[in-house]
């Protein structure tokens, strides 16, 4: 379990170093509250998503969001996961499939690359997380995963036409059948397409109810991420 008392936040990113000394960075907001577990998923096998990070509250160990290791110094998550928390109020855990036990001090092994091209509709991608199993169900102990189909922003907008939330070109979606998708607690985790972090779980409502799940489209932030993760 990694002490994150010296972490600071910028938009989609949370930074740390192996020694626990993170560069002080300016805070930039831009998330929105999620209504986001992987509903309809299966227990993840060892090694399927080695980049997976669990963000836990320091006080009671509650897993409230996911994240992904993208380098030996950085993890990628959603801004709304951590903006209301002090660095001393949460920890980041890697190296375990269990929500309640195990884990290790951060050790880089297989970081998740950023995408080199935009994601098209119809791709089969991997979603993973410890979020709730449904609107009125608890979170699982074992990490869940699910193969989901992508939608670009135009297709997503069409399917969400009755939603008050507008989908922009900086977002993407996934949609499976009823009973499959993200739920509360999955926010911040990476959608893995072609072995890259194609999207960051942002929001959905209601859980797995045949309505598109929405993500930040990582490709559209590549330059920004690169600029803000440069070595000092």
Foldseek 3Di string as FASTA:
>chain_A
DEQQQQWDDAAFWIWAALVNHGDDDDYDYDADDAQWAWAPFDFDDPPPQQQKKFKAFPPPLDGQEIWGFADNIIITFGRVSPVVHRSRGIDIFGDDQFSPDDGDRDDDDDGFHADPDADAWFFWWKAKFQAANFPPGHTGGGITIDTWTKHAQVRQCVLCVVPPDHGDNQKIWTFDAARGDIGGSHGTYAIATPRHRQWTFGYDPPGRGRHIGMTGGRVVCVVVVVVVPDDD
